[in-house]
Structures are given as C-alpha cells and as structure tokens.
N, C-alpha and C. Protein backbone atom coordinates (compact mmCIF):
# COMPACT_ATOMS: atom_id res chain seq x y z
N MET A 1 -67.28 29.67 90.59
CA MET A 1 -67.41 28.26 90.29
C MET A 1 -68.27 27.60 91.36
N PRO A 2 -69.19 26.75 90.95
CA PRO A 2 -70.03 26.08 91.94
C PRO A 2 -69.23 25.04 92.74
N ALA A 3 -69.72 24.73 93.92
CA ALA A 3 -69.08 23.71 94.77
C ALA A 3 -69.58 22.33 94.36
N ALA A 4 -68.86 21.31 94.79
CA ALA A 4 -69.23 19.93 94.47
C ALA A 4 -70.62 19.60 95.01
N ASN A 5 -71.04 20.26 96.09
CA ASN A 5 -72.38 20.06 96.66
C ASN A 5 -73.48 20.36 95.65
N ASP A 6 -73.21 21.29 94.72
CA ASP A 6 -74.22 21.76 93.78
C ASP A 6 -74.32 20.92 92.51
N LEU A 7 -73.51 19.87 92.38
CA LEU A 7 -73.57 19.03 91.19
C LEU A 7 -74.90 18.29 91.09
N ARG A 8 -75.42 18.20 89.87
CA ARG A 8 -76.69 17.51 89.62
C ARG A 8 -76.54 16.57 88.44
N LYS A 9 -77.38 15.57 88.39
CA LYS A 9 -77.39 14.62 87.28
C LYS A 9 -77.67 15.35 85.98
N GLY A 10 -76.91 15.01 84.92
CA GLY A 10 -77.11 15.62 83.62
C GLY A 10 -76.18 16.78 83.32
N GLN A 11 -75.49 17.31 84.34
CA GLN A 11 -74.55 18.39 84.10
C GLN A 11 -73.27 17.85 83.49
N VAL A 12 -72.54 18.69 82.81
CA VAL A 12 -71.25 18.32 82.23
C VAL A 12 -70.18 19.14 82.96
N ILE A 13 -69.19 18.42 83.52
CA ILE A 13 -68.12 19.09 84.24
C ILE A 13 -66.78 18.82 83.56
N LYS A 14 -65.83 19.69 83.85
CA LYS A 14 -64.47 19.49 83.33
C LYS A 14 -63.66 18.83 84.44
N PHE A 15 -63.19 17.61 84.19
CA PHE A 15 -62.41 16.86 85.18
C PHE A 15 -61.18 16.31 84.48
N ASN A 16 -60.00 16.61 85.00
CA ASN A 16 -58.73 16.21 84.38
C ASN A 16 -58.62 16.71 82.93
N GLY A 17 -59.18 17.90 82.66
CA GLY A 17 -59.08 18.49 81.34
C GLY A 17 -60.03 17.92 80.31
N GLU A 18 -60.90 16.99 80.70
CA GLU A 18 -61.84 16.35 79.78
C GLU A 18 -63.28 16.61 80.22
N PRO A 19 -64.23 16.70 79.26
CA PRO A 19 -65.63 16.85 79.65
C PRO A 19 -66.21 15.52 80.13
N HIS A 20 -66.90 15.55 81.27
CA HIS A 20 -67.52 14.37 81.85
C HIS A 20 -69.00 14.66 82.13
N LEU A 21 -69.86 13.72 81.79
CA LEU A 21 -71.29 13.84 82.06
C LEU A 21 -71.59 13.23 83.42
N VAL A 22 -72.21 13.99 84.32
CA VAL A 22 -72.57 13.50 85.64
C VAL A 22 -73.79 12.60 85.52
N MET A 23 -73.63 11.33 85.90
CA MET A 23 -74.74 10.37 85.79
C MET A 23 -75.44 10.15 87.13
N GLU A 24 -74.70 10.33 88.24
CA GLU A 24 -75.26 10.08 89.55
C GLU A 24 -74.45 10.83 90.60
N THR A 25 -75.12 11.40 91.60
CA THR A 25 -74.41 12.05 92.70
C THR A 25 -75.01 11.58 94.03
N GLN A 26 -74.14 11.45 95.02
CA GLN A 26 -74.59 11.10 96.38
C GLN A 26 -73.81 11.95 97.36
N HIS A 27 -74.52 12.66 98.22
CA HIS A 27 -73.88 13.45 99.27
C HIS A 27 -73.81 12.57 100.51
N ARG A 28 -72.60 12.42 101.06
CA ARG A 28 -72.42 11.54 102.22
C ARG A 28 -71.72 12.29 103.34
N THR A 29 -72.13 11.97 104.56
CA THR A 29 -71.50 12.51 105.75
C THR A 29 -71.26 11.34 106.71
N PRO A 30 -70.11 10.67 106.59
CA PRO A 30 -69.86 9.51 107.45
C PRO A 30 -69.39 9.91 108.84
N GLY A 31 -70.08 9.43 109.85
CA GLY A 31 -69.69 9.60 111.26
C GLY A 31 -69.09 10.94 111.59
N ASN A 32 -67.84 10.93 112.06
CA ASN A 32 -67.20 12.17 112.48
C ASN A 32 -66.24 12.70 111.41
N LEU A 33 -66.39 12.23 110.18
CA LEU A 33 -65.54 12.70 109.09
C LEU A 33 -66.20 13.86 108.36
N ARG A 34 -65.46 14.45 107.46
CA ARG A 34 -66.02 15.56 106.67
C ARG A 34 -66.93 15.03 105.58
N ALA A 35 -67.89 15.85 105.21
CA ALA A 35 -68.84 15.47 104.16
C ALA A 35 -68.14 15.45 102.81
N PHE A 36 -68.61 14.55 101.94
CA PHE A 36 -68.07 14.48 100.58
C PHE A 36 -69.19 14.13 99.61
N VAL A 37 -68.91 14.32 98.33
CA VAL A 37 -69.87 14.01 97.28
C VAL A 37 -69.27 12.92 96.41
N GLN A 38 -69.98 11.79 96.29
CA GLN A 38 -69.55 10.67 95.44
C GLN A 38 -70.25 10.86 94.09
N VAL A 39 -69.46 10.99 93.01
CA VAL A 39 -70.01 11.28 91.69
C VAL A 39 -69.67 10.16 90.73
N LYS A 40 -70.69 9.63 90.06
CA LYS A 40 -70.48 8.67 88.99
C LYS A 40 -70.62 9.46 87.69
N MET A 41 -69.56 9.40 86.84
CA MET A 41 -69.58 10.21 85.62
C MET A 41 -68.97 9.44 84.47
N ARG A 42 -69.29 9.91 83.24
CA ARG A 42 -68.80 9.27 82.03
C ARG A 42 -68.02 10.27 81.21
N ASN A 43 -66.83 9.87 80.78
CA ASN A 43 -65.99 10.71 79.93
C ASN A 43 -66.66 10.80 78.56
N LEU A 44 -66.94 12.01 78.11
CA LEU A 44 -67.66 12.19 76.84
C LEU A 44 -66.76 11.98 75.63
N ARG A 45 -65.47 12.03 75.81
CA ARG A 45 -64.57 11.82 74.68
C ARG A 45 -64.29 10.34 74.45
N TYR A 46 -64.12 9.56 75.53
CA TYR A 46 -63.75 8.15 75.40
C TYR A 46 -64.86 7.19 75.79
N GLY A 47 -65.89 7.67 76.48
CA GLY A 47 -67.02 6.82 76.84
C GLY A 47 -66.83 6.00 78.10
N LYS A 48 -65.70 6.12 78.79
CA LYS A 48 -65.45 5.34 80.00
C LYS A 48 -66.14 5.98 81.20
N SER A 49 -66.69 5.13 82.07
CA SER A 49 -67.33 5.60 83.29
C SER A 49 -66.35 5.49 84.45
N LEU A 50 -66.50 6.40 85.42
CA LEU A 50 -65.67 6.33 86.61
C LEU A 50 -66.42 6.95 87.77
N GLU A 51 -65.95 6.63 88.98
CA GLU A 51 -66.50 7.24 90.18
C GLU A 51 -65.42 8.09 90.81
N GLN A 52 -65.80 9.27 91.27
CA GLN A 52 -64.84 10.19 91.86
C GLN A 52 -65.44 10.78 93.12
N ARG A 53 -64.60 10.99 94.11
CA ARG A 53 -65.03 11.57 95.38
C ARG A 53 -64.50 13.00 95.47
N PHE A 54 -65.40 13.95 95.72
CA PHE A 54 -65.03 15.36 95.88
C PHE A 54 -65.38 15.78 97.30
N ASN A 55 -64.56 16.64 97.92
CA ASN A 55 -64.95 17.25 99.18
C ASN A 55 -66.10 18.22 98.89
N SER A 56 -67.03 18.34 99.81
CA SER A 56 -68.23 19.15 99.58
C SER A 56 -67.94 20.58 99.12
N PRO A 57 -67.01 21.31 99.75
CA PRO A 57 -66.80 22.70 99.31
C PRO A 57 -65.88 22.85 98.10
N ASP A 58 -65.30 21.78 97.58
CA ASP A 58 -64.38 21.89 96.44
C ASP A 58 -65.05 22.54 95.23
N PRO A 59 -64.36 23.47 94.58
CA PRO A 59 -64.95 24.07 93.37
C PRO A 59 -64.87 23.10 92.18
N VAL A 60 -65.90 23.08 91.37
CA VAL A 60 -65.97 22.21 90.20
C VAL A 60 -66.39 23.07 89.00
N GLU A 61 -65.69 22.89 87.88
CA GLU A 61 -66.01 23.67 86.68
C GLU A 61 -67.13 23.00 85.90
N VAL A 62 -68.29 23.65 85.85
CA VAL A 62 -69.44 23.15 85.11
C VAL A 62 -69.42 23.81 83.74
N LEU A 63 -69.45 22.99 82.69
CA LEU A 63 -69.40 23.50 81.32
C LEU A 63 -70.80 23.88 80.83
N PRO A 64 -70.92 24.99 80.08
CA PRO A 64 -72.23 25.36 79.54
C PRO A 64 -72.61 24.39 78.41
N THR A 65 -73.81 23.84 78.49
CA THR A 65 -74.26 22.86 77.49
C THR A 65 -75.56 23.31 76.86
N ASP A 66 -75.85 22.69 75.74
CA ASP A 66 -77.09 22.95 75.01
C ASP A 66 -77.55 21.63 74.43
N ARG A 67 -78.77 21.22 74.75
CA ARG A 67 -79.31 19.96 74.23
C ARG A 67 -80.40 20.31 73.20
N ARG A 68 -80.22 19.78 71.98
CA ARG A 68 -81.17 20.07 70.90
C ARG A 68 -81.70 18.77 70.30
N THR A 69 -82.97 18.81 69.89
CA THR A 69 -83.55 17.68 69.17
C THR A 69 -83.38 17.96 67.68
N LEU A 70 -82.60 17.12 67.02
CA LEU A 70 -82.30 17.30 65.60
C LEU A 70 -82.89 16.16 64.79
N GLU A 71 -83.09 16.41 63.49
CA GLU A 71 -83.57 15.39 62.56
C GLU A 71 -82.41 14.91 61.71
N PHE A 72 -82.29 13.59 61.56
CA PHE A 72 -81.24 13.02 60.71
C PHE A 72 -81.62 13.26 59.25
N SER A 73 -80.69 13.78 58.46
CA SER A 73 -80.95 14.04 57.05
C SER A 73 -80.35 12.96 56.16
N TYR A 74 -79.03 12.81 56.21
CA TYR A 74 -78.39 11.80 55.35
C TYR A 74 -76.98 11.51 55.87
N ALA A 75 -76.41 10.40 55.37
CA ALA A 75 -75.05 10.01 55.71
C ALA A 75 -74.21 10.04 54.44
N ASP A 76 -73.00 10.55 54.55
CA ASP A 76 -72.07 10.59 53.42
C ASP A 76 -70.73 10.09 53.92
N ARG A 77 -70.41 8.84 53.63
CA ARG A 77 -69.20 8.16 54.11
C ARG A 77 -69.12 8.20 55.62
N ASP A 78 -68.19 8.97 56.18
CA ASP A 78 -68.01 9.01 57.63
C ASP A 78 -68.62 10.25 58.27
N THR A 79 -69.52 10.92 57.55
CA THR A 79 -70.16 12.12 58.08
C THR A 79 -71.68 11.94 58.06
N PHE A 80 -72.29 12.25 59.18
CA PHE A 80 -73.75 12.18 59.30
C PHE A 80 -74.28 13.60 59.46
N THR A 81 -75.25 13.96 58.63
CA THR A 81 -75.78 15.33 58.63
C THR A 81 -77.13 15.37 59.32
N PHE A 82 -77.26 16.29 60.27
CA PHE A 82 -78.49 16.50 61.01
C PHE A 82 -78.97 17.92 60.78
N MET A 83 -80.29 18.14 60.94
CA MET A 83 -80.86 19.47 60.75
C MET A 83 -81.71 19.83 61.96
N ASP A 84 -81.60 21.08 62.38
CA ASP A 84 -82.45 21.61 63.44
C ASP A 84 -83.79 21.99 62.78
N PRO A 85 -84.91 21.34 63.16
CA PRO A 85 -86.19 21.62 62.50
C PRO A 85 -86.73 23.02 62.75
N GLU A 86 -86.21 23.72 63.74
CA GLU A 86 -86.70 25.07 64.03
C GLU A 86 -85.94 26.13 63.24
N THR A 87 -84.61 26.00 63.19
CA THR A 87 -83.80 27.03 62.53
C THR A 87 -83.31 26.59 61.15
N PHE A 88 -83.49 25.33 60.80
CA PHE A 88 -83.04 24.75 59.53
C PHE A 88 -81.52 24.79 59.40
N GLU A 89 -80.82 24.91 60.50
CA GLU A 89 -79.36 24.89 60.52
C GLU A 89 -78.91 23.43 60.46
N THR A 90 -77.85 23.14 59.69
CA THR A 90 -77.37 21.76 59.58
C THR A 90 -76.08 21.57 60.37
N PHE A 91 -75.92 20.36 60.90
CA PHE A 91 -74.74 19.99 61.68
C PHE A 91 -74.19 18.69 61.13
N GLU A 92 -72.88 18.64 60.96
CA GLU A 92 -72.23 17.41 60.52
C GLU A 92 -71.55 16.77 61.72
N ILE A 93 -71.84 15.48 61.93
CA ILE A 93 -71.28 14.74 63.06
C ILE A 93 -70.50 13.56 62.50
N GLY A 94 -69.30 13.35 63.03
CA GLY A 94 -68.43 12.28 62.57
C GLY A 94 -68.90 10.90 63.00
N ALA A 95 -68.46 9.89 62.26
CA ALA A 95 -68.85 8.50 62.52
C ALA A 95 -68.35 8.01 63.87
N THR A 96 -67.23 8.53 64.34
CA THR A 96 -66.72 8.07 65.64
C THR A 96 -67.64 8.48 66.77
N LEU A 97 -68.24 9.66 66.67
CA LEU A 97 -69.19 10.11 67.69
C LEU A 97 -70.51 9.36 67.58
N ILE A 98 -70.94 9.03 66.38
CA ILE A 98 -72.20 8.32 66.16
C ILE A 98 -72.10 6.88 66.66
N GLY A 99 -71.01 6.19 66.33
CA GLY A 99 -70.81 4.80 66.79
C GLY A 99 -71.88 3.86 66.26
N ASP A 100 -72.40 3.00 67.14
CA ASP A 100 -73.42 2.02 66.75
C ASP A 100 -74.80 2.63 66.56
N SER A 101 -74.96 3.90 66.88
CA SER A 101 -76.26 4.57 66.68
C SER A 101 -76.62 4.65 65.21
N LYS A 102 -75.63 4.48 64.32
CA LYS A 102 -75.89 4.56 62.88
C LYS A 102 -76.89 3.50 62.43
N ASN A 103 -76.99 2.39 63.16
CA ASN A 103 -77.92 1.32 62.81
C ASN A 103 -79.38 1.70 63.04
N TYR A 104 -79.62 2.80 63.72
CA TYR A 104 -80.99 3.21 64.05
C TYR A 104 -81.38 4.54 63.41
N LEU A 105 -80.49 5.12 62.61
CA LEU A 105 -80.76 6.41 62.00
C LEU A 105 -81.44 6.25 60.64
N VAL A 106 -82.65 6.76 60.51
CA VAL A 106 -83.38 6.77 59.25
C VAL A 106 -83.72 8.22 58.92
N ALA A 107 -83.97 8.49 57.66
CA ALA A 107 -84.27 9.86 57.23
C ALA A 107 -85.42 10.44 58.05
N ASN A 108 -85.25 11.67 58.50
CA ASN A 108 -86.21 12.41 59.31
C ASN A 108 -86.39 11.84 60.71
N GLY A 109 -85.55 10.89 61.12
CA GLY A 109 -85.59 10.35 62.47
C GLY A 109 -85.02 11.37 63.45
N LYS A 110 -85.58 11.43 64.65
CA LYS A 110 -85.16 12.42 65.63
C LYS A 110 -84.10 11.84 66.57
N ALA A 111 -83.20 12.71 67.04
CA ALA A 111 -82.18 12.35 68.01
C ALA A 111 -81.84 13.57 68.84
N ASP A 112 -81.56 13.36 70.13
CA ASP A 112 -81.14 14.45 71.01
C ASP A 112 -79.63 14.52 70.97
N VAL A 113 -79.11 15.71 70.67
CA VAL A 113 -77.66 15.91 70.58
C VAL A 113 -77.25 16.93 71.64
N LEU A 114 -76.21 16.57 72.41
CA LEU A 114 -75.69 17.45 73.44
C LEU A 114 -74.51 18.23 72.87
N PHE A 115 -74.57 19.56 73.00
CA PHE A 115 -73.53 20.44 72.48
C PHE A 115 -72.79 21.09 73.64
N ILE A 116 -71.46 21.19 73.51
CA ILE A 116 -70.63 21.97 74.43
C ILE A 116 -69.85 22.95 73.56
N ASN A 117 -70.01 24.24 73.82
CA ASN A 117 -69.37 25.29 73.01
C ASN A 117 -69.67 25.12 71.52
N GLU A 118 -70.93 24.86 71.19
CA GLU A 118 -71.40 24.72 69.81
C GLU A 118 -70.80 23.52 69.07
N ALA A 119 -70.18 22.58 69.81
CA ALA A 119 -69.64 21.37 69.20
C ALA A 119 -70.43 20.17 69.73
N PRO A 120 -70.92 19.29 68.84
CA PRO A 120 -71.67 18.12 69.31
C PRO A 120 -70.76 17.17 70.08
N VAL A 121 -71.28 16.64 71.21
CA VAL A 121 -70.48 15.77 72.06
C VAL A 121 -71.08 14.38 72.17
N THR A 122 -72.39 14.28 72.38
CA THR A 122 -73.06 12.97 72.47
C THR A 122 -74.36 13.01 71.69
N ILE A 123 -74.83 11.81 71.35
CA ILE A 123 -76.11 11.66 70.66
C ILE A 123 -76.93 10.63 71.41
N ASP A 124 -78.19 10.97 71.70
CA ASP A 124 -79.11 10.07 72.39
C ASP A 124 -80.29 9.80 71.47
N LEU A 125 -80.57 8.51 71.25
CA LEU A 125 -81.68 8.11 70.40
C LEU A 125 -82.92 7.86 71.22
N PRO A 126 -84.11 7.88 70.60
CA PRO A 126 -85.31 7.47 71.32
C PRO A 126 -85.20 5.99 71.69
N SER A 127 -86.02 5.53 72.64
CA SER A 127 -85.92 4.13 73.09
C SER A 127 -86.31 3.14 72.01
N THR A 128 -87.19 3.53 71.08
CA THR A 128 -87.57 2.65 69.97
C THR A 128 -87.54 3.42 68.66
N VAL A 129 -87.25 2.70 67.58
CA VAL A 129 -87.30 3.28 66.24
C VAL A 129 -88.08 2.34 65.33
N THR A 130 -88.64 2.90 64.26
CA THR A 130 -89.37 2.11 63.28
C THR A 130 -88.48 1.93 62.06
N LEU A 131 -88.22 0.67 61.71
CA LEU A 131 -87.35 0.35 60.58
C LEU A 131 -88.09 -0.53 59.59
N LYS A 132 -87.74 -0.42 58.32
CA LYS A 132 -88.35 -1.22 57.26
C LYS A 132 -87.49 -2.45 57.01
N VAL A 133 -88.14 -3.62 56.91
CA VAL A 133 -87.44 -4.87 56.62
C VAL A 133 -87.21 -4.93 55.11
N ILE A 134 -85.93 -5.08 54.71
CA ILE A 134 -85.65 -5.14 53.27
C ILE A 134 -85.26 -6.55 52.83
N GLU A 135 -84.90 -7.41 53.79
CA GLU A 135 -84.54 -8.78 53.42
C GLU A 135 -84.88 -9.70 54.58
N SER A 136 -85.65 -10.75 54.27
CA SER A 136 -86.02 -11.71 55.30
C SER A 136 -86.35 -13.04 54.62
N ALA A 137 -85.79 -14.11 55.14
CA ALA A 137 -86.06 -15.44 54.58
C ALA A 137 -87.48 -15.86 54.90
N ASP A 138 -88.04 -16.72 54.05
CA ASP A 138 -89.38 -17.23 54.30
C ASP A 138 -89.33 -18.22 55.46
N GLY A 139 -90.39 -18.21 56.27
CA GLY A 139 -90.48 -19.15 57.38
C GLY A 139 -90.85 -20.53 56.87
N VAL A 140 -90.44 -21.56 57.59
CA VAL A 140 -90.77 -22.94 57.23
C VAL A 140 -92.19 -23.22 57.67
N LYS A 141 -93.02 -23.70 56.75
CA LYS A 141 -94.42 -23.94 57.04
C LYS A 141 -94.54 -25.05 58.09
N GLY A 142 -95.36 -24.82 59.08
CA GLY A 142 -95.59 -25.82 60.12
C GLY A 142 -94.62 -25.69 61.28
N ASP A 143 -93.66 -24.79 61.19
CA ASP A 143 -92.68 -24.62 62.27
C ASP A 143 -93.17 -23.53 63.23
N THR A 144 -94.33 -23.77 63.86
CA THR A 144 -94.90 -22.77 64.75
C THR A 144 -95.17 -23.33 66.13
N ALA A 145 -94.54 -24.45 66.47
CA ALA A 145 -94.78 -25.07 67.76
C ALA A 145 -94.24 -24.21 68.91
N SER A 146 -93.18 -23.47 68.66
CA SER A 146 -92.61 -22.62 69.69
C SER A 146 -92.33 -21.24 69.10
N ASN A 147 -91.75 -20.41 69.89
CA ASN A 147 -91.46 -19.05 69.45
C ASN A 147 -90.22 -19.06 68.55
N VAL A 148 -90.38 -19.47 67.31
CA VAL A 148 -89.27 -19.56 66.37
C VAL A 148 -89.05 -18.20 65.74
N GLN A 149 -87.77 -17.83 65.59
CA GLN A 149 -87.46 -16.54 65.00
C GLN A 149 -86.48 -16.72 63.86
N LYS A 150 -86.43 -15.71 63.00
CA LYS A 150 -85.53 -15.73 61.84
C LYS A 150 -84.84 -14.37 61.74
N PRO A 151 -83.68 -14.30 61.10
CA PRO A 151 -83.01 -13.00 60.94
C PRO A 151 -83.67 -12.17 59.84
N ALA A 152 -83.74 -10.88 60.08
CA ALA A 152 -84.27 -9.94 59.08
C ALA A 152 -83.32 -8.74 59.01
N THR A 153 -82.99 -8.33 57.78
CA THR A 153 -82.12 -7.18 57.58
C THR A 153 -82.99 -5.94 57.36
N THR A 154 -82.68 -4.86 58.09
CA THR A 154 -83.46 -3.63 57.98
C THR A 154 -82.80 -2.67 56.99
N GLU A 155 -83.48 -1.57 56.73
CA GLU A 155 -83.00 -0.58 55.77
C GLU A 155 -81.66 0.05 56.17
N THR A 156 -81.30 -0.01 57.45
CA THR A 156 -80.03 0.56 57.91
C THR A 156 -78.90 -0.47 57.92
N GLY A 157 -79.23 -1.72 57.61
CA GLY A 157 -78.22 -2.78 57.63
C GLY A 157 -78.22 -3.57 58.92
N LEU A 158 -79.02 -3.19 59.89
CA LEU A 158 -79.11 -3.89 61.16
C LEU A 158 -79.84 -5.21 60.97
N VAL A 159 -79.30 -6.30 61.53
CA VAL A 159 -79.95 -7.61 61.46
C VAL A 159 -80.66 -7.86 62.80
N VAL A 160 -81.98 -8.10 62.72
CA VAL A 160 -82.81 -8.28 63.91
C VAL A 160 -83.50 -9.64 63.83
N GLN A 161 -83.59 -10.33 64.96
CA GLN A 161 -84.34 -11.59 65.02
C GLN A 161 -85.83 -11.25 65.14
N VAL A 162 -86.63 -11.74 64.17
CA VAL A 162 -88.06 -11.44 64.13
C VAL A 162 -88.86 -12.73 64.05
N PRO A 163 -90.16 -12.69 64.38
CA PRO A 163 -91.01 -13.88 64.24
C PRO A 163 -91.17 -14.27 62.77
N LEU A 164 -91.60 -15.49 62.53
CA LEU A 164 -91.71 -16.03 61.18
C LEU A 164 -92.70 -15.29 60.28
N PHE A 165 -93.72 -14.64 60.86
CA PHE A 165 -94.74 -14.00 60.03
C PHE A 165 -94.31 -12.65 59.45
N ILE A 166 -93.16 -12.11 59.84
CA ILE A 166 -92.68 -10.83 59.30
C ILE A 166 -92.13 -11.06 57.90
N LYS A 167 -92.58 -10.22 56.96
CA LYS A 167 -92.16 -10.35 55.56
C LYS A 167 -91.41 -9.09 55.12
N GLU A 168 -90.78 -9.20 53.96
CA GLU A 168 -90.06 -8.06 53.41
C GLU A 168 -91.03 -6.90 53.15
N GLY A 169 -90.57 -5.68 53.41
CA GLY A 169 -91.38 -4.49 53.17
C GLY A 169 -92.18 -4.04 54.38
N GLU A 170 -92.25 -4.85 55.42
CA GLU A 170 -93.02 -4.47 56.62
C GLU A 170 -92.21 -3.54 57.50
N LEU A 171 -92.91 -2.72 58.28
CA LEU A 171 -92.28 -1.83 59.24
C LEU A 171 -92.34 -2.48 60.61
N ILE A 172 -91.19 -2.49 61.31
CA ILE A 172 -91.14 -3.10 62.64
C ILE A 172 -90.56 -2.10 63.64
N LYS A 173 -90.93 -2.27 64.90
CA LYS A 173 -90.36 -1.45 65.97
C LYS A 173 -89.18 -2.21 66.57
N VAL A 174 -88.06 -1.49 66.75
CA VAL A 174 -86.84 -2.10 67.27
C VAL A 174 -86.35 -1.28 68.46
N SER A 175 -85.92 -1.97 69.52
CA SER A 175 -85.37 -1.30 70.69
C SER A 175 -83.95 -0.83 70.39
N THR A 176 -83.64 0.43 70.71
CA THR A 176 -82.29 0.94 70.48
C THR A 176 -81.32 0.50 71.58
N ALA A 177 -81.84 -0.04 72.67
CA ALA A 177 -80.97 -0.47 73.76
C ALA A 177 -80.28 -1.80 73.44
N ASP A 178 -81.04 -2.76 72.87
CA ASP A 178 -80.45 -4.09 72.63
C ASP A 178 -80.78 -4.65 71.26
N ALA A 179 -81.27 -3.84 70.34
CA ALA A 179 -81.59 -4.24 68.97
C ALA A 179 -82.57 -5.42 68.91
N SER A 180 -83.53 -5.43 69.82
CA SER A 180 -84.51 -6.51 69.83
C SER A 180 -85.82 -6.07 69.16
N TYR A 181 -86.51 -7.05 68.58
CA TYR A 181 -87.79 -6.82 67.91
C TYR A 181 -88.85 -6.56 68.98
N LEU A 182 -89.66 -5.50 68.79
CA LEU A 182 -90.71 -5.17 69.76
C LEU A 182 -92.12 -5.35 69.21
N GLY A 183 -92.24 -5.40 67.88
CA GLY A 183 -93.57 -5.56 67.29
C GLY A 183 -93.65 -4.87 65.94
N ARG A 184 -94.81 -5.01 65.32
CA ARG A 184 -95.05 -4.32 64.06
C ARG A 184 -95.35 -2.86 64.32
N ALA A 185 -95.02 -2.04 63.35
CA ALA A 185 -95.30 -0.60 63.51
C ALA A 185 -96.64 -0.24 62.91
C-alpha cells in the first residue's frame, strides 16, 4: 500500500470504507513536529467534501480507477445509457449519479465517466455544451437600451436567460458550470 506522501490529485482512495476523490494535497512539516499530508477530498457516494490530515508514512488504500470518454445515447425514465465509441459497449447509469448533469446531456454528447471496479462512480461534462432552443418568447421591439434578457427553454428542458435576438430553433452554447448563455453555436 502506498504511503500518504504518495497521494496525488485525481486519485481515488478508500477512507472510512467509502471511495473518496483526492482534489488537493499539501505536504507540511511544521517546526519541530512530524511531517503530515493535508488532503482535501470528496466522497464519491454522497458528494460531500472534507479535509483530512494523514501522517506522512501512514498507508493509504488507493483504488484502481478507469476514466473513459463515453457518448450519451438516450434516457429511459431513471436510466441514462452511454456508449463507448471505441468498443461499442453500453453502460447504464442511474439518475441519482447523473443528478443535474441531465440538463446538459444531448444525443451523441460526450462525457468523462470515472469507473471503480467496472462500476461508474462520477460523470464529468465538458465546460460548454451546444443546445437547441425549443421555446422562447418574442422580444419587445425597442427594448434594446440595455442588456435585456429573456428565458429560453432548451431541448433538455433547461431554462437559460438569453439575449432578445435568440429565436426558437437556434443553437446556443451554454456553460455547464452555471447554466449561463455563452453565445450562438
């Protein structure tokens, strides 16, 4: 088993019987005390972040992981189906694991999925996605004195604030971090 000194960002460790993703590590040696490693990590099952201090030589169980880029195929109730474009193998991921990412999933859209023991654990989306506007109210003529925006519903059901000139049927770029409009696609 590797020591706490060997922990790196992006690794998945087993802590208190749960898988945790290491987000940040700092090796510290304060004055005349023993060295320790301060680790910021996120529980992959519940999503909570925590900070933990390990002594430098303490053994830590690092879990074997596999990160794959998959294409979203379709959603069926509470199951989302993804396909590996290289092997054509399909994976079904539950709605609880997907969470709010469902608002950015379109057919053939790519997502990075982290696997532990061949089971999907987390899903990471690209920073921006292109979505089609399916419903948007008409802008009021002459209301262009300032940066006026209106709500627009996308093909995934996500409501985004867009400028007045965006019409139904247009493709727009949306940030997956805060669901903000970034421009036309």
